């Protein structure tokens, strides 16, 4: 009987020591918070009545005039049946934040230290690195998707993206090298995944530009391969969109 009591006391003592060490040194296995939603899977753009339409970009006056003139020229060209060629005509991906606008489905993958978002169109891939410090802008090589870091704040994924190439434009809005794209990605009670995007760029914008996209889960959908090749559309010498009638260019 005494031997059993001694063994129980030793076991109890080891448990107390383990709990104390865990509290002091953080030795417990890091389990994801119960507040973090499972957003892995395929998603498509969805209309949510609670999400307002994107506002006009709050461009500074000198940039606003140019943007409005370009938008007017594009409308007039389309009305004449001679649309101005867009990036997609040149087989160039939309980059950030345009790739989050759809309309093609996208896939989200949650893994240790990273959330990966894949857009079906042009097989665009961006990676949000979790729990890392953001780099100085000058230390990031500019790219289509930039450099994204993020962290979970309860059930909301907070992401910050820098390093977007200046020729990558969303809705043809110009930006400087110092652009920050901040996101709040969360899953609503109605099952709609919301991505609240705020673009900060004091060089070009009067104030931050915020808009939100909603997405609906596609349980049985697997992304298809989307490669832009042998494109029949092209931009002529005037920048207008044209279509080749055959591979020879006639």
C-alpha atoms as a PDB file:
ATOM      1  CA  UNK A   1       0.000   0.000   0.000  1.00  0.00           C
ATOM      2  CA  UNK A   2       2.805   2.401   0.936  1.00  0.00           C
ATOM      3  CA  UNK A   3       4.603   1.614  -2.336  1.00  0.00           C
ATOM      4  CA  UNK A   4       1.480   2.588  -4.304  1.00  0.00           C
ATOM      5  CA  UNK A   5       1.133   5.838  -2.357  1.00  0.00           C
ATOM      6  CA  UNK A   6       4.774   6.713  -3.069  1.00  0.00           C
ATOM      7  CA  UNK A   7       4.317   6.049  -6.781  1.00  0.00           C
ATOM      8  CA  UNK A   8       1.196   8.215  -6.853  1.00  0.00           C
ATOM      9  CA  UNK A   9       2.973  11.059  -5.069  1.00  0.00           C
ATOM     10  CA  UNK A  10       5.888  10.848  -7.500  1.00  0.00           C
ATOM     11  CA  UNK A  11       3.518  10.919 -10.461  1.00  0.00           C
ATOM     12  CA  UNK A  12       1.625  13.853  -8.960  1.00  0.00           C
ATOM     13  CA  UNK A  13       4.890  15.670  -8.368  1.00  0.00           C
ATOM     14  CA  UNK A  14       6.030  15.124 -11.957  1.00  0.00           C
ATOM     15  CA  UNK A  15       2.725  16.485 -13.236  1.00  0.00           C
ATOM     16  CA  UNK A  16       3.084  19.610 -11.087  1.00  0.00           C
ATOM     17  CA  UNK A  17       6.658  20.124 -12.313  1.00  0.00           C
ATOM     18  CA  UNK A  18       5.573  19.667 -15.950  1.00  0.00           C
ATOM     19  CA  UNK A  19       2.733  22.167 -15.567  1.00  0.00           C
ATOM     20  CA  UNK A  20       5.063  24.678 -13.958  1.00  0.00           C
ATOM     21  CA  UNK A  21       7.680  24.300 -16.702  1.00  0.00           C
ATOM     22  CA  UNK A  22       5.033  24.580 -19.370  1.00  0.00           C
ATOM     23  CA  UNK A  23       3.701  27.814 -17.892  1.00  0.00           C
ATOM     24  CA  UNK A  24       7.168  29.304 -17.510  1.00  0.00           C
ATOM     25  CA  UNK A  25       8.883  28.156 -20.687  1.00  0.00           C
ATOM     26  CA  UNK A  26       5.968  27.544 -23.087  1.00  0.00           C
ATOM     27  CA  UNK A  27       6.749  23.863 -23.576  1.00  0.00           C
ATOM     28  CA  UNK A  28       3.237  22.870 -24.539  1.00  0.00           C
ATOM     29  CA  UNK A  29       2.540  21.957 -28.143  1.00  0.00           C
ATOM     30  CA  UNK A  30       1.249  24.999 -30.001  1.00  0.00           C
ATOM     31  CA  UNK A  31      -2.304  24.211 -30.961  1.00  0.00           C
ATOM     32  CA  UNK A  32      -4.218  26.514 -33.311  1.00  0.00           C
ATOM     33  CA  UNK A  33      -6.727  28.710 -31.558  1.00  0.00           C
ATOM     34  CA  UNK A  34     -10.267  27.452 -31.598  1.00  0.00           C
ATOM     35  CA  UNK A  35     -11.260  30.836 -33.023  1.00  0.00           C
ATOM     36  CA  UNK A  36      -9.342  30.267 -36.266  1.00  0.00           C
ATOM     37  CA  UNK A  37     -11.845  29.186 -38.951  1.00  0.00           C
ATOM     38  CA  UNK A  38     -11.185  26.435 -41.450  1.00  0.00           C
ATOM     39  CA  UNK A  39     -11.131  28.294 -44.769  1.00  0.00           C
ATOM     40  CA  UNK A  40      -9.235  25.643 -46.728  1.00  0.00           C
ATOM     41  CA  UNK A  41     -11.032  24.814 -49.962  1.00  0.00           C
ATOM     42  CA  UNK A  42     -12.380  26.323 -53.164  1.00  0.00           C
ATOM     43  CA  UNK A  43     -14.307  29.591 -53.224  1.00  0.00           C
ATOM     44  CA  UNK A  44     -16.139  31.721 -55.780  1.00  0.00           C
ATOM     45  CA  UNK A  45     -17.168  35.370 -55.750  1.00  0.00           C
ATOM     46  CA  UNK A  46     -20.534  35.850 -54.100  1.00  0.00           C
ATOM     47  CA  UNK A  47     -22.800  38.839 -53.651  1.00  0.00           C
ATOM     48  CA  UNK A  48     -23.572  39.662 -50.042  1.00  0.00           C
ATOM     49  CA  UNK A  49     -26.188  42.414 -49.494  1.00  0.00           C
ATOM     50  CA  UNK A  50     -24.234  43.611 -46.462  1.00  0.00           C
ATOM     51  CA  UNK A  51     -21.171  44.348 -48.612  1.00  0.00           C
ATOM     52  CA  UNK A  52     -21.368  47.787 -50.283  1.00  0.00           C
ATOM     53  CA  UNK A  53     -20.182  48.433 -53.814  1.00  0.00           C
ATOM     54  CA  UNK A  54     -16.531  49.530 -54.044  1.00  0.00           C
ATOM     55  CA  UNK A  55     -16.212  53.317 -53.813  1.00  0.00           C
ATOM     56  CA  UNK A  56     -14.331  55.414 -56.344  1.00  0.00           C
ATOM     57  CA  UNK A  57     -10.603  55.514 -55.563  1.00  0.00           C
ATOM     58  CA  UNK A  58      -9.791  58.647 -53.507  1.00  0.00           C
ATOM     59  CA  UNK A  59      -7.026  59.773 -55.848  1.00  0.00           C
ATOM     60  CA  UNK A  60      -5.255  63.069 -55.443  1.00  0.00           C
ATOM     61  CA  UNK A  61      -6.408  65.647 -57.983  1.00  0.00           C
ATOM     62  CA  UNK A  62      -3.524  65.284 -60.440  1.00  0.00           C
ATOM     63  CA  UNK A  63      -3.940  61.491 -60.569  1.00  0.00           C
ATOM     64  CA  UNK A  64      -7.743  61.625 -60.539  1.00  0.00           C
ATOM     65  CA  UNK A  65      -7.911  63.713 -63.726  1.00  0.00           C
ATOM     66  CA  UNK A  66      -5.664  61.275 -65.568  1.00  0.00           C
ATOM     67  CA  UNK A  67      -7.599  58.258 -64.271  1.00  0.00           C
ATOM     68  CA  UNK A  68     -10.945  59.776 -65.289  1.00  0.00           C
ATOM     69  CA  UNK A  69      -9.617  60.653 -68.760  1.00  0.00           C
ATOM     70  CA  UNK A  70      -8.378  57.087 -69.263  1.00  0.00           C
ATOM     71  CA  UNK A  71     -11.699  55.649 -68.080  1.00  0.00           C
ATOM     72  CA  UNK A  72     -13.604  57.920 -70.472  1.00  0.00           C
ATOM     73  CA  UNK A  73     -11.334  56.952 -73.364  1.00  0.00           C
ATOM     74  CA  UNK A  74     -11.900  53.269 -72.585  1.00  0.00           C
ATOM     75  CA  UNK A  75     -15.692  53.739 -72.585  1.00  0.00           C
ATOM     76  CA  UNK A  76     -15.618  55.580 -75.892  1.00  0.00           C
ATOM     77  CA  UNK A  77     -13.372  52.971 -77.496  1.00  0.00           C
ATOM     78  CA  UNK A  78     -15.667  50.145 -76.331  1.00  0.00           C
ATOM     79  CA  UNK A  79     -18.703  51.998 -77.699  1.00  0.00           C
ATOM     80  CA  UNK A  80     -16.986  52.105 -81.105  1.00  0.00           C
ATOM     81  CA  UNK A  81     -16.283  48.376 -80.955  1.00  0.00           C
ATOM     82  CA  UNK A  82     -12.557  48.996 -80.596  1.00  0.00           C
ATOM     83  CA  UNK A  83     -11.807  48.302 -76.909  1.00  0.00           C
ATOM     84  CA  UNK A  84      -8.474  49.348 -75.462  1.00  0.00           C
ATOM     85  CA  UNK A  85      -6.328  46.301 -74.761  1.00  0.00           C
ATOM     86  CA  UNK A  86      -6.029  45.266 -71.114  1.00  0.00           C
ATOM     87  CA  UNK A  87      -3.286  43.320 -69.356  1.00  0.00           C
ATOM     88  CA  UNK A  88      -5.036  40.012 -69.905  1.00  0.00           C
ATOM     89  CA  UNK A  89      -4.674  40.472 -73.651  1.00  0.00           C
ATOM     90  CA  UNK A  90      -0.905  40.295 -73.147  1.00  0.00           C
ATOM     91  CA  UNK A  91      -1.277  37.134 -71.015  1.00  0.00           C
ATOM     92  CA  UNK A  92      -0.177  39.062 -67.926  1.00  0.00           C
ATOM     93  CA  UNK A  93      -1.689  38.100 -64.543  1.00  0.00           C
ATOM     94  CA  UNK A  94      -3.733  40.625 -62.604  1.00  0.00           C
ATOM     95  CA  UNK A  95      -1.526  40.476 -59.527  1.00  0.00           C
ATOM     96  CA  UNK A  96      -2.602  42.046 -56.242  1.00  0.00           C
ATOM     97  CA  UNK A  97      -5.229  42.989 -55.354  1.00  0.00           C
ATOM     98  CA  UNK A  98      -6.938  42.284 -58.690  1.00  0.00           C
ATOM     99  CA  UNK A  99      -6.584  38.508 -58.371  1.00  0.00           C
ATOM    100  CA  UNK A 100      -8.880  38.625 -55.327  1.00  0.00           C
ATOM    101  CA  UNK A 101     -11.673  40.116 -57.454  1.00  0.00           C
ATOM    102  CA  UNK A 102     -12.402  36.932 -59.412  1.00  0.00           C
ATOM    103  CA  UNK A 103     -14.549  36.118 -61.320  1.00  0.00           C
ATOM    104  CA  UNK A 104     -12.775  32.752 -61.570  1.00  0.00           C
ATOM    105  CA  UNK A 105     -12.746  30.442 -58.523  1.00  0.00           C
ATOM    106  CA  UNK A 106      -9.850  30.444 -56.101  1.00  0.00           C
ATOM    107  CA  UNK A 107      -8.431  27.953 -53.633  1.00  0.00           C
ATOM    108  CA  UNK A 108      -7.178  28.625 -50.106  1.00  0.00           C
ATOM    109  CA  UNK A 109      -4.754  26.296 -48.342  1.00  0.00           C
ATOM    110  CA  UNK A 110      -3.949  26.630 -44.645  1.00  0.00           C
ATOM    111  CA  UNK A 111      -0.655  25.135 -43.525  1.00  0.00           C
ATOM    112  CA  UNK A 112       1.853  25.662 -40.738  1.00  0.00           C
ATOM    113  CA  UNK A 113       3.159  29.214 -40.925  1.00  0.00           C
ATOM    114  CA  UNK A 114       1.427  30.063 -44.192  1.00  0.00           C
ATOM    115  CA  UNK A 115      -1.884  30.667 -45.941  1.00  0.00           C
ATOM    116  CA  UNK A 116      -1.694  30.100 -49.698  1.00  0.00           C
ATOM    117  CA  UNK A 117      -4.227  31.584 -52.108  1.00  0.00           C
ATOM    118  CA  UNK A 118      -4.416  30.264 -55.674  1.00  0.00           C
ATOM    119  CA  UNK A 119      -6.489  32.015 -58.313  1.00  0.00           C
ATOM    120  CA  UNK A 120      -7.628  29.733 -61.137  1.00  0.00           C
ATOM    121  CA  UNK A 121      -7.127  32.463 -63.750  1.00  0.00           C
ATOM    122  CA  UNK A 122      -3.498  32.318 -64.914  1.00  0.00           C
ATOM    123  CA  UNK A 123      -2.762  29.964 -61.966  1.00  0.00           C
ATOM    124  CA  UNK A 124      -1.841  32.964 -59.837  1.00  0.00           C
ATOM    125  CA  UNK A 125      -0.350  32.097 -56.447  1.00  0.00           C
ATOM    126  CA  UNK A 126       0.245  34.284 -53.420  1.00  0.00           C
ATOM    127  CA  UNK A 127       1.579  33.282 -50.016  1.00  0.00           C
ATOM    128  CA  UNK A 128       0.736  34.996 -46.734  1.00  0.00           C
ATOM    129  CA  UNK A 129       3.566  34.183 -44.310  1.00  0.00           C
ATOM    130  CA  UNK A 130       2.237  33.992 -40.770  1.00  0.00           C
ATOM    131  CA  UNK A 131       3.714  35.571 -37.647  1.00  0.00           C
ATOM    132  CA  UNK A 132       6.621  37.290 -39.382  1.00  0.00           C
ATOM    133  CA  UNK A 133       7.764  40.883 -39.331  1.00  0.00           C
ATOM    134  CA  UNK A 134       7.073  42.916 -42.448  1.00  0.00           C
ATOM    135  CA  UNK A 135      10.184  43.813 -44.412  1.00  0.00           C
ATOM    136  CA  UNK A 136      11.220  47.352 -45.399  1.00  0.00           C
ATOM    137  CA  UNK A 137       9.821  48.150 -48.838  1.00  0.00           C
ATOM    138  CA  UNK A 138      13.304  48.670 -50.271  1.00  0.00           C
ATOM    139  CA  UNK A 139      14.272  45.112 -49.265  1.00  0.00           C
ATOM    140  CA  UNK A 140      11.489  43.533 -51.344  1.00  0.00           C
ATOM    141  CA  UNK A 141      11.887  42.738 -55.039  1.00  0.00           C
ATOM    142  CA  UNK A 142       8.731  44.160 -56.704  1.00  0.00           C
ATOM    143  CA  UNK A 143       6.437  41.515 -58.133  1.00  0.00           C
ATOM    144  CA  UNK A 144       2.890  40.815 -59.258  1.00  0.00           C
ATOM    145  CA  UNK A 145       1.779  39.592 -55.821  1.00  0.00           C
ATOM    146  CA  UNK A 146       4.231  41.370 -53.552  1.00  0.00           C
ATOM    147  CA  UNK A 147       5.422  40.150 -50.166  1.00  0.00           C
ATOM    148  CA  UNK A 148       2.633  39.299 -47.717  1.00  0.00           C
ATOM    149  CA  UNK A 149       2.838  38.694 -43.982  1.00  0.00           C
ATOM    150  CA  UNK A 150      -0.056  38.121 -41.650  1.00  0.00           C
ATOM    151  CA  UNK A 151      -1.386  36.811 -38.364  1.00  0.00           C
ATOM    152  CA  UNK A 152      -4.646  35.572 -36.922  1.00  0.00           C
ATOM    153  CA  UNK A 153      -6.458  38.010 -34.664  1.00  0.00           C
ATOM    154  CA  UNK A 154      -9.168  35.789 -33.255  1.00  0.00           C
ATOM    155  CA  UNK A 155     -11.075  34.572 -36.301  1.00  0.00           C
ATOM    156  CA  UNK A 156      -9.730  37.262 -38.643  1.00  0.00           C
ATOM    157  CA  UNK A 157      -6.645  36.854 -40.817  1.00  0.00           C
ATOM    158  CA  UNK A 158      -4.823  40.183 -40.870  1.00  0.00           C
ATOM    159  CA  UNK A 159      -2.498  40.498 -43.884  1.00  0.00           C
ATOM    160  CA  UNK A 160      -0.164  43.230 -45.104  1.00  0.00           C
ATOM    161  CA  UNK A 161       1.280  43.190 -48.621  1.00  0.00           C
ATOM    162  CA  UNK A 162       4.058  45.382 -50.020  1.00  0.00           C
ATOM    163  CA  UNK A 163       6.356  45.267 -53.028  1.00  0.00           C
ATOM    164  CA  UNK A 164       3.785  45.487 -55.854  1.00  0.00           C
ATOM    165  CA  UNK A 165       5.192  46.351 -59.272  1.00  0.00           C
ATOM    166  CA  UNK A 166       4.120  49.831 -60.314  1.00  0.00           C
ATOM    167  CA  UNK A 167       2.820  48.518 -63.654  1.00  0.00           C
ATOM    168  CA  UNK A 168       0.430  46.172 -61.790  1.00  0.00           C
ATOM    169  CA  UNK A 169      -2.752  48.203 -61.400  1.00  0.00           C
ATOM    170  CA  UNK A 170      -6.143  47.441 -59.982  1.00  0.00           C
ATOM    171  CA  UNK A 171      -8.922  49.163 -61.966  1.00  0.00           C
ATOM    172  CA  UNK A 172      -6.109  51.041 -63.697  1.00  0.00           C
ATOM    173  CA  UNK A 173      -5.420  53.029 -60.514  1.00  0.00           C
ATOM    174  CA  UNK A 174      -1.768  54.152 -60.296  1.00  0.00           C
ATOM    175  CA  UNK A 175       0.323  53.592 -57.180  1.00  0.00           C
ATOM    176  CA  UNK A 176       3.816  54.220 -55.865  1.00  0.00           C
ATOM    177  CA  UNK A 177       6.404  51.728 -54.644  1.00  0.00           C
ATOM    178  CA  UNK A 178       5.275  52.446 -51.068  1.00  0.00           C
ATOM    179  CA  UNK A 179       1.801  50.960 -51.498  1.00  0.00           C
ATOM    180  CA  UNK A 180       0.472  48.807 -48.648  1.00  0.00           C
ATOM    181  CA  UNK A 181      -2.435  46.431 -49.232  1.00  0.00           C
ATOM    182  CA  UNK A 182      -4.008  45.487 -45.917  1.00  0.00           C
ATOM    183  CA  UNK A 183      -6.613  42.744 -45.640  1.00  0.00           C
ATOM    184  CA  UNK A 184      -9.018  41.480 -43.018  1.00  0.00           C
ATOM    185  CA  UNK A 185     -10.176  38.017 -44.086  1.00  0.00           C
ATOM    186  CA  UNK A 186     -12.972  36.514 -41.994  1.00  0.00           C
ATOM    187  CA  UNK A 187     -15.743  33.935 -42.246  1.00  0.00           C
ATOM    188  CA  UNK A 188     -19.199  35.318 -41.540  1.00  0.00           C
ATOM    189  CA  UNK A 189     -22.057  33.470 -39.822  1.00  0.00           C
ATOM    190  CA  UNK A 190     -23.804  33.206 -43.191  1.00  0.00           C
ATOM    191  CA  UNK A 191     -20.878  31.194 -44.591  1.00  0.00           C
ATOM    192  CA  UNK A 192     -19.631  34.069 -46.742  1.00  0.00           C
ATOM    193  CA  UNK A 193     -15.890  34.627 -46.607  1.00  0.00           C
ATOM    194  CA  UNK A 194     -15.158  38.350 -46.572  1.00  0.00           C
ATOM    195  CA  UNK A 195     -11.938  40.021 -47.663  1.00  0.00           C
ATOM    196  CA  UNK A 196     -11.894  43.649 -46.578  1.00  0.00           C
ATOM    197  CA  UNK A 197      -9.093  45.282 -48.569  1.00  0.00           C
ATOM    198  CA  UNK A 198      -7.588  48.640 -47.674  1.00  0.00           C
ATOM    199  CA  UNK A 199      -5.038  50.241 -49.992  1.00  0.00           C
ATOM    200  CA  UNK A 200      -2.745  52.799 -48.397  1.00  0.00           C
ATOM    201  CA  UNK A 201      -0.548  54.979 -50.594  1.00  0.00           C
ATOM    202  CA  UNK A 202      -0.123  58.597 -49.396  1.00  0.00           C
ATOM    203  CA  UNK A 203       1.777  59.451 -52.587  1.00  0.00           C
ATOM    204  CA  UNK A 204      -1.256  58.828 -54.795  1.00  0.00           C
ATOM    205  CA  UNK A 205      -4.322  58.617 -52.533  1.00  0.00           C
ATOM    206  CA  UNK A 206      -5.944  61.331 -50.448  1.00  0.00           C
ATOM    207  CA  UNK A 207      -6.919  58.703 -47.881  1.00  0.00           C
ATOM    208  CA  UNK A 208      -6.967  54.883 -47.588  1.00  0.00           C
ATOM    209  CA  UNK A 209      -9.181  53.160 -50.154  1.00  0.00           C
ATOM    210  CA  UNK A 210     -11.304  50.360 -48.673  1.00  0.00           C
ATOM    211  CA  UNK A 211     -13.562  47.844 -50.403  1.00  0.00           C
ATOM    212  CA  UNK A 212     -14.734  44.313 -49.639  1.00  0.00           C
ATOM    213  CA  UNK A 213     -15.212  41.109 -51.633  1.00  0.00           C
ATOM    214  CA  UNK A 214     -17.354  38.161 -50.610  1.00  0.00           C
ATOM    215  CA  UNK A 215     -16.857  34.492 -51.515  1.00  0.00           C
ATOM    216  CA  UNK A 216     -19.034  31.383 -51.324  1.00  0.00           C
ATOM    217  CA  UNK A 217     -17.562  27.939 -50.625  1.00  0.00           C
ATOM    218  CA  UNK A 218     -17.499  25.409 -53.496  1.00  0.00           C
ATOM    219  CA  UNK A 219     -17.321  22.055 -51.652  1.00  0.00           C
ATOM    220  CA  UNK A 220     -16.836  19.773 -54.660  1.00  0.00           C
ATOM    221  CA  UNK A 221     -14.845  22.047 -56.980  1.00  0.00           C
ATOM    222  CA  UNK A 222     -11.217  21.462 -57.936  1.00  0.00           C
ATOM    223  CA  UNK A 223      -9.320  24.227 -59.694  1.00  0.00           C
ATOM    224  CA  UNK A 224      -8.650  23.695 -63.391  1.00  0.00           C
ATOM    225  CA  UNK A 225      -5.395  24.394 -65.161  1.00  0.00           C
ATOM    226  CA  UNK A 226      -5.510  27.841 -66.759  1.00  0.00           C
ATOM    227  CA  UNK A 227      -2.602  28.685 -69.027  1.00  0.00           C
ATOM    228  CA  UNK A 228      -2.585  31.687 -71.333  1.00  0.00           C
ATOM    229  CA  UNK A 229      -1.016  30.459 -74.576  1.00  0.00           C
ATOM    230  CA  UNK A 230      -1.605  30.855 -78.292  1.00  0.00           C
ATOM    231  CA  UNK A 231      -3.618  33.936 -77.416  1.00  0.00           C
ATOM    232  CA  UNK A 232      -5.528  35.242 -80.436  1.00  0.00           C
ATOM    233  CA  UNK A 233      -6.032  38.640 -78.803  1.00  0.00           C
ATOM    234  CA  UNK A 234      -3.327  41.262 -79.029  1.00  0.00           C
ATOM    235  CA  UNK A 235      -2.741  44.999 -78.752  1.00  0.00           C
ATOM    236  CA  UNK A 236      -2.076  46.862 -81.998  1.00  0.00           C
ATOM    237  CA  UNK A 237       0.241  49.876 -82.391  1.00  0.00           C
ATOM    238  CA  UNK A 238      -2.524  52.157 -81.052  1.00  0.00           C
ATOM    239  CA  UNK A 239      -3.101  50.018 -77.978  1.00  0.00           C
ATOM    240  CA  UNK A 240      -6.458  48.734 -79.232  1.00  0.00           C
ATOM    241  CA  UNK A 241      -7.537  45.140 -78.686  1.00  0.00           C
ATOM    242  CA  UNK A 242      -7.590  43.034 -81.841  1.00  0.00           C
ATOM    243  CA  UNK A 243      -8.142  39.354 -82.651  1.00  0.00           C
ATOM    244  CA  UNK A 244      -6.050  37.257 -85.022  1.00  0.00           C
ATOM    245  CA  UNK A 245      -8.205  35.284 -87.395  1.00  0.00           C
ATOM    246  CA  UNK A 246      -5.738  32.396 -87.655  1.00  0.00           C
ATOM    247  CA  UNK A 247      -2.351  31.381 -86.174  1.00  0.00           C
ATOM    248  CA  UNK A 248      -0.565  33.068 -89.065  1.00  0.00           C
ATOM    249  CA  UNK A 249      -1.847  36.411 -87.811  1.00  0.00           C
ATOM    250  CA  UNK A 250      -4.201  37.156 -90.706  1.00  0.00           C
END
